[in-house]
Amino acid sequence: MAEPIHPAAIHHLPPFVTAPGETDGLLVAMAIFLLVSVVGIGVFYFKLHALPEQMAHRGQKIQFEIVAVLALLALFTHNHAFWIAGLLLALVPLPDFTTPLSSIATSLERIAGRPEPASSPASTTVPPTPSAHAGSPQSSTPQPAASARISSGSTAQPGDIHNA
């Protein structure tokens, strides 16, 4: 400040007052602070928004995909109900329904006499069934399938052909 100050002005100016033509240090500091604050709040917002996805990542794939879709819907629609639903879905572990259901289906196929799928490593040979006469030797004639024996309430004989 090379110019003398006006006689009516106070003699000791506060440090935030800048002389004409000089750089305003407080303005630069506040601009940097504002920029860092906006970027920091944005990073925090996106990390918070991705929290349900990170929690569901350790779970099942379908659960992760549903939570990811809910998080994206919440992000683009600004509807917080989607984010809360995704968070609750990520917190609750989904039970495994496929293993018991596939076991039930395999058991029902075995009961119905259908062969097991080729993908299973189990053997496809059927053990011989005991004959009606305990003392007689096993005959070499093949036994009818279980579905052929269960037709119209009558018992099939080895030579009978039934279309079930």
Foldseek 3Di string as FASTA:
>chain_A
DPDDDDPVDDPDDDPQDDDPPDDRPVVVVVVVVVVVVVVVVVVVVVVVLCVLLVLQVVADPVLSVQLVVLSVCCVVVVDCVSSVVSNVSSVDHDDDPVVVVVVVVQVVCVVQQHFDDPPDPDDRDDDDDQDPDNPDDDDPQDADTPVQQPPPPHGDDSVDDDDD
